[in-house]
């Protein structure tokens, strides 16, 4: 992921994704595997505090930054 908005819109891909369709499938698969768990995510492209959790929001996902 390059931006937290990709949790809400997993089909949105930046220009650096050479296979946008596969990237979207990979994002959805990853989100589904960690949604609702205590698995901390560390997406290096996100701003501080970077670390967060994936939560469900209907048929979409949401990124919740973890703060102290």
N, C-alpha and C. Protein backbone atom coordinates (compact mmCIF):
# COMPACT_ATOMS: atom_id res chain seq x y z
N UNK A 1 0.83 -1.17 0.00
CA UNK A 1 0.00 0.00 0.00
C UNK A 1 0.88 1.24 0.00
N UNK A 2 0.42 2.22 -0.71
CA UNK A 2 1.15 3.49 -0.75
C UNK A 2 0.40 4.60 -0.02
N UNK A 3 -0.88 4.36 0.26
CA UNK A 3 -1.67 5.38 0.94
C UNK A 3 -2.82 4.69 1.66
N UNK A 4 -3.22 5.24 2.80
CA UNK A 4 -4.31 4.65 3.59
C UNK A 4 -5.62 4.60 2.82
N UNK A 5 -5.81 5.48 1.84
CA UNK A 5 -7.05 5.47 1.06
C UNK A 5 -7.22 4.15 0.32
N UNK A 6 -6.15 3.42 0.10
CA UNK A 6 -6.25 2.14 -0.60
C UNK A 6 -6.96 1.09 0.24
N UNK A 7 -7.13 1.33 1.54
CA UNK A 7 -7.95 0.43 2.35
C UNK A 7 -9.43 0.65 2.00
N UNK A 8 -9.80 1.90 1.82
CA UNK A 8 -11.18 2.23 1.45
C UNK A 8 -11.44 1.89 -0.02
N UNK A 9 -10.42 2.06 -0.83
CA UNK A 9 -10.54 1.86 -2.28
C UNK A 9 -9.42 0.93 -2.74
N UNK A 10 -9.51 -0.37 -2.44
CA UNK A 10 -8.42 -1.30 -2.78
C UNK A 10 -8.12 -1.41 -4.27
N UNK A 11 -9.06 -0.99 -5.10
CA UNK A 11 -8.83 -1.07 -6.55
C UNK A 11 -8.02 0.10 -7.09
N UNK A 12 -7.80 1.11 -6.27
CA UNK A 12 -6.98 2.25 -6.70
C UNK A 12 -5.52 1.88 -6.60
N UNK A 13 -4.80 2.04 -7.68
CA UNK A 13 -3.38 1.69 -7.71
C UNK A 13 -2.56 2.88 -8.19
N UNK A 14 -1.41 3.10 -7.56
CA UNK A 14 -0.52 4.16 -8.05
C UNK A 14 0.14 3.71 -9.35
N UNK A 15 0.72 4.65 -10.04
CA UNK A 15 1.37 4.35 -11.32
C UNK A 15 2.50 3.35 -11.24
N UNK A 16 3.08 3.17 -10.05
CA UNK A 16 4.19 2.23 -9.92
C UNK A 16 3.75 0.77 -9.89
N UNK A 17 2.44 0.52 -9.72
CA UNK A 17 1.93 -0.86 -9.78
C UNK A 17 1.85 -1.28 -11.24
N UNK A 18 2.73 -2.18 -11.66
CA UNK A 18 2.76 -2.56 -13.06
C UNK A 18 1.62 -3.49 -13.43
N UNK A 19 0.94 -4.09 -12.42
CA UNK A 19 -0.24 -4.91 -12.67
C UNK A 19 -1.33 -4.49 -11.69
N UNK A 20 -2.06 -3.42 -11.99
CA UNK A 20 -3.05 -2.89 -11.06
C UNK A 20 -4.12 -3.90 -10.65
N UNK A 21 -4.55 -4.75 -11.56
CA UNK A 21 -5.58 -5.74 -11.21
C UNK A 21 -5.05 -6.72 -10.17
N UNK A 22 -3.84 -7.22 -10.36
CA UNK A 22 -3.26 -8.14 -9.40
C UNK A 22 -2.97 -7.44 -8.07
N UNK A 23 -2.56 -6.19 -8.13
CA UNK A 23 -2.30 -5.42 -6.92
C UNK A 23 -3.57 -5.30 -6.08
N UNK A 24 -4.69 -5.03 -6.73
CA UNK A 24 -5.97 -4.93 -6.03
C UNK A 24 -6.36 -6.26 -5.40
N UNK A 25 -6.16 -7.34 -6.13
CA UNK A 25 -6.45 -8.67 -5.59
C UNK A 25 -5.57 -8.94 -4.37
N UNK A 26 -4.30 -8.61 -4.47
CA UNK A 26 -3.37 -8.83 -3.36
C UNK A 26 -3.76 -8.00 -2.13
N UNK A 27 -4.15 -6.75 -2.35
CA UNK A 27 -4.58 -5.91 -1.23
C UNK A 27 -5.81 -6.49 -0.55
N UNK A 28 -6.81 -6.85 -1.34
CA UNK A 28 -8.04 -7.41 -0.77
C UNK A 28 -7.76 -8.70 0.01
N UNK A 29 -6.92 -9.55 -0.54
CA UNK A 29 -6.57 -10.80 0.13
C UNK A 29 -5.86 -10.53 1.45
N UNK A 30 -4.92 -9.60 1.42
CA UNK A 30 -4.20 -9.25 2.63
C UNK A 30 -5.13 -8.65 3.67
N UNK A 31 -5.97 -7.69 3.27
CA UNK A 31 -6.90 -7.07 4.20
C UNK A 31 -7.81 -8.12 4.84
N UNK A 32 -8.34 -9.02 4.02
CA UNK A 32 -9.23 -10.06 4.54
C UNK A 32 -8.53 -10.97 5.54
N UNK A 33 -7.23 -11.14 5.38
CA UNK A 33 -6.51 -12.04 6.30
C UNK A 33 -6.21 -11.40 7.65
N UNK A 34 -6.24 -10.07 7.73
CA UNK A 34 -5.89 -9.40 9.00
C UNK A 34 -7.03 -8.58 9.60
N UNK A 35 -8.10 -8.39 8.87
CA UNK A 35 -9.20 -7.56 9.36
C UNK A 35 -9.76 -8.12 10.68
N UNK A 36 -9.94 -7.23 11.63
CA UNK A 36 -10.53 -7.63 12.90
C UNK A 36 -9.60 -8.39 13.83
N UNK A 37 -8.34 -8.49 13.47
CA UNK A 37 -7.38 -9.18 14.34
C UNK A 37 -6.52 -8.12 15.05
N UNK A 38 -5.67 -8.57 15.92
CA UNK A 38 -4.74 -7.67 16.60
C UNK A 38 -3.42 -7.53 15.85
N UNK A 39 -3.39 -7.96 14.58
CA UNK A 39 -2.18 -7.89 13.78
C UNK A 39 -1.85 -6.44 13.46
N UNK A 40 -0.70 -5.99 13.92
CA UNK A 40 -0.26 -4.63 13.64
C UNK A 40 0.37 -4.57 12.26
N UNK A 41 0.01 -3.56 11.50
CA UNK A 41 0.49 -3.37 10.13
C UNK A 41 1.49 -2.22 10.15
N UNK A 42 2.56 -2.35 9.41
CA UNK A 42 3.59 -1.32 9.35
C UNK A 42 3.85 -0.94 7.89
N UNK A 43 2.93 -0.17 7.29
CA UNK A 43 3.12 0.24 5.90
C UNK A 43 4.13 1.37 5.81
N UNK A 44 5.27 1.11 5.25
CA UNK A 44 6.40 2.04 5.28
C UNK A 44 6.12 3.35 4.54
N UNK A 45 5.11 3.41 3.69
CA UNK A 45 4.81 4.63 2.95
C UNK A 45 3.86 5.56 3.70
N UNK A 46 3.32 5.09 4.82
CA UNK A 46 2.35 5.89 5.56
C UNK A 46 3.07 6.86 6.49
N UNK A 47 2.43 7.99 6.82
CA UNK A 47 3.04 8.95 7.74
C UNK A 47 3.02 8.44 9.18
N UNK A 48 3.78 9.09 10.04
CA UNK A 48 3.76 8.74 11.46
C UNK A 48 2.36 8.92 12.00
N UNK A 49 1.89 8.02 12.84
CA UNK A 49 2.62 6.99 13.56
C UNK A 49 2.79 5.69 12.80
N UNK A 50 2.40 5.61 11.55
CA UNK A 50 2.61 4.49 10.63
C UNK A 50 1.89 3.21 11.05
N UNK A 51 2.17 2.69 12.23
CA UNK A 51 1.60 1.41 12.68
C UNK A 51 0.09 1.54 12.87
N UNK A 52 -0.62 0.49 12.46
CA UNK A 52 -2.06 0.52 12.63
C UNK A 52 -2.70 -0.84 12.45
N UNK A 53 -4.02 -0.81 12.43
CA UNK A 53 -4.84 -2.01 12.31
C UNK A 53 -5.80 -1.85 11.13
N UNK A 54 -6.18 -2.96 10.52
CA UNK A 54 -7.18 -2.96 9.47
C UNK A 54 -8.51 -3.34 10.11
N UNK A 55 -9.52 -2.50 9.87
CA UNK A 55 -10.85 -2.79 10.39
C UNK A 55 -11.83 -2.90 9.22
N UNK A 56 -12.96 -3.53 9.48
CA UNK A 56 -13.99 -3.69 8.46
C UNK A 56 -14.90 -2.46 8.45
N UNK A 57 -15.38 -2.11 7.28
CA UNK A 57 -16.34 -1.03 7.12
C UNK A 57 -17.23 -1.41 5.95
N UNK A 58 -18.21 -2.24 6.23
CA UNK A 58 -19.06 -2.77 5.17
C UNK A 58 -18.27 -3.65 4.24
N UNK A 59 -18.32 -3.36 2.95
CA UNK A 59 -17.53 -4.15 1.99
C UNK A 59 -16.17 -3.52 1.73
N UNK A 60 -15.84 -2.53 2.53
CA UNK A 60 -14.53 -1.87 2.43
C UNK A 60 -13.74 -2.13 3.70
N UNK A 61 -12.57 -1.57 3.73
CA UNK A 61 -11.71 -1.68 4.90
C UNK A 61 -11.30 -0.28 5.34
N UNK A 62 -10.81 -0.18 6.55
CA UNK A 62 -10.38 1.09 7.07
C UNK A 62 -9.05 0.88 7.79
N UNK A 63 -8.18 1.84 7.68
CA UNK A 63 -6.88 1.78 8.37
C UNK A 63 -6.96 2.67 9.58
N UNK A 64 -6.70 2.10 10.75
CA UNK A 64 -6.73 2.84 12.02
C UNK A 64 -5.31 2.95 12.53
N UNK A 65 -4.78 4.17 12.50
CA UNK A 65 -3.45 4.40 13.04
C UNK A 65 -3.47 4.11 14.53
N UNK A 66 -2.44 3.42 15.00
CA UNK A 66 -2.35 3.10 16.42
C UNK A 66 -1.54 4.20 17.10
N UNK A 67 -2.13 4.79 18.07
CA UNK A 67 -1.47 5.85 18.82
C UNK A 67 -1.25 5.36 20.25
N UNK A 68 -0.24 5.91 20.91
CA UNK A 68 0.03 5.51 22.30
C UNK A 68 -1.11 5.85 23.21
